[in-house]
Amino acid sequence: GSHPPLEDVPPHIVEHPTDLLVSRGEPATLSCKAEGRPAPAVEWYKDGERVETDREDPRSHRTLLPGGALFFLRILHGRRGKPDEGVYVCVARNYLGEATSRNASLQVAGE
């Protein structure tokens, strides 16, 4: 009854983020789920730049959820800055490679 060792597999995205239209000050979640062995690490990019979450900055209003989704405590949006609006992509990596999700745009309603 011995099992053959499980083979490591490169990441693949099983749930892609979808476009969001949210109101300023409201919470929002961009979904992303990746599978692979070993379990891939997920990072988010907005307009090509890496998104900082509360892992890097404890004051950040963005949290990387355990499954890989990106949660916004509240959407920040003002006349001077629109830090949350943009095109997001989720990237999952392990030592065998990486997988990139579809693009998802986050827009703030009523502006």
Protein backbone atom coordinates (compact mmCIF):
# COMPACT_ATOMS: atom_id res chain seq x y z
CA GLY A 1 0.00 0.00 0.00
CA SER A 2 2.75 2.46 -0.77
CA HIS A 3 1.79 5.49 -2.82
CA PRO A 4 4.12 6.77 -5.51
CA PRO A 5 5.44 10.22 -4.59
CA LEU A 6 3.31 13.02 -5.91
CA GLU A 7 4.93 14.92 -8.70
CA ASP A 8 5.41 18.63 -8.35
CA VAL A 9 3.40 20.67 -10.84
CA PRO A 10 3.77 24.26 -12.01
CA PRO A 11 1.06 26.71 -10.98
CA HIS A 12 -2.11 27.25 -12.94
CA ILE A 13 -4.92 29.71 -12.32
CA VAL A 14 -8.21 28.01 -11.51
CA GLU A 15 -10.20 31.14 -10.71
CA HIS A 16 -9.55 34.36 -12.58
CA PRO A 17 -10.42 37.85 -11.33
CA THR A 18 -13.30 39.62 -13.03
CA ASP A 19 -13.87 43.30 -13.76
CA LEU A 20 -15.23 45.25 -10.81
CA LEU A 21 -17.23 48.42 -10.53
CA VAL A 22 -17.25 49.62 -6.94
CA SER A 23 -18.26 52.69 -5.01
CA ARG A 24 -15.69 54.79 -3.23
CA GLY A 25 -15.26 53.76 0.40
CA GLU A 26 -16.83 50.34 -0.15
CA PRO A 27 -15.00 47.04 0.30
CA ALA A 28 -14.12 44.98 -2.76
CA THR A 29 -12.54 41.63 -3.56
CA LEU A 30 -10.65 40.63 -6.69
CA SER A 31 -10.77 36.87 -6.83
CA CYS A 32 -7.83 34.71 -7.79
CA LYS A 33 -7.16 31.10 -7.04
CA ALA A 34 -4.11 29.16 -8.14
CA GLU A 35 -3.15 25.54 -7.78
CA GLY A 36 0.17 23.84 -8.03
CA ARG A 37 2.57 21.71 -6.06
CA PRO A 38 4.19 23.11 -4.01
CA ALA A 39 1.38 25.57 -3.37
CA PRO A 40 2.18 28.68 -5.39
CA ALA A 41 2.75 32.11 -3.87
CA VAL A 42 0.38 34.73 -5.29
CA GLU A 43 1.27 38.31 -6.05
CA TRP A 44 -0.89 41.04 -7.56
CA TYR A 45 0.11 43.66 -10.07
CA LYS A 46 -1.79 46.83 -10.94
CA ASP A 47 -0.97 48.53 -14.23
CA GLY A 48 2.24 46.50 -14.26
CA GLU A 49 3.38 47.48 -10.76
CA ARG A 50 3.40 45.16 -7.79
CA VAL A 51 0.53 45.77 -5.37
CA GLU A 52 1.59 46.24 -1.77
CA THR A 53 -0.63 44.51 0.76
CA ASP A 54 -0.66 44.54 4.54
CA ARG A 55 2.05 41.89 4.45
CA GLU A 56 4.52 44.55 3.33
CA ASP A 57 2.80 47.53 4.90
CA PRO A 58 0.69 46.92 8.03
CA ARG A 59 -1.19 50.16 7.34
CA SER A 60 -2.24 49.04 3.88
CA HIS A 61 -5.97 48.82 3.16
CA ARG A 62 -5.33 45.84 0.87
CA THR A 63 -5.09 42.30 2.16
CA LEU A 64 -3.98 39.16 0.38
CA LEU A 65 -6.50 36.50 1.39
CA PRO A 66 -5.26 32.95 2.07
CA GLY A 67 -6.64 31.63 -1.21
CA GLY A 68 -4.95 34.35 -3.26
CA ALA A 69 -7.77 36.89 -3.62
CA LEU A 70 -7.05 40.58 -3.11
CA PHE A 71 -9.35 42.23 -0.58
CA PHE A 72 -9.80 46.00 -0.31
CA LEU A 73 -11.03 47.15 3.08
CA ARG A 74 -12.39 50.22 1.38
CA ILE A 75 -11.80 51.63 -2.07
CA LEU A 76 -9.69 54.77 -1.89
CA HIS A 77 -10.51 57.37 -4.48
CA GLY A 78 -10.15 61.11 -4.49
CA ARG A 79 -9.65 64.05 -6.75
CA ARG A 80 -5.91 63.89 -6.18
CA GLY A 81 -5.32 60.16 -6.19
CA LYS A 82 -7.01 57.08 -7.54
CA PRO A 83 -4.80 54.46 -5.92
CA ASP A 84 -7.14 51.53 -6.46
CA GLU A 85 -8.41 52.16 -9.98
CA GLY A 86 -6.60 50.28 -12.70
CA VAL A 87 -6.00 46.97 -14.38
CA TYR A 88 -5.07 44.11 -12.08
CA VAL A 89 -3.48 40.79 -12.75
CA CYS A 90 -2.68 37.98 -10.36
CA VAL A 91 0.55 35.99 -10.72
CA ALA A 92 1.14 32.63 -9.05
CA ARG A 93 4.66 31.24 -8.74
CA ASN A 94 6.45 28.20 -7.50
CA TYR A 95 9.90 26.87 -8.36
CA LEU A 96 8.59 25.23 -11.53
CA GLY A 97 7.23 28.39 -13.09
CA GLU A 98 4.51 30.96 -12.98
CA ALA A 99 0.97 31.49 -14.19
CA THR A 100 -0.73 34.79 -14.88
CA SER A 101 -4.44 35.44 -14.65
CA ARG A 102 -6.59 37.37 -17.09
CA ASN A 103 -6.63 41.13 -16.68
CA ALA A 104 -9.36 42.53 -14.48
CA SER A 105 -10.17 46.23 -14.37
CA LEU A 106 -11.30 47.90 -11.17
CA GLN A 107 -13.31 51.05 -11.70
CA VAL A 108 -14.83 53.38 -9.17
CA ALA A 109 -18.48 54.22 -9.76
CA GLY A 110 -19.96 57.68 -9.82
CA GLU A 111 -16.84 59.57 -10.80
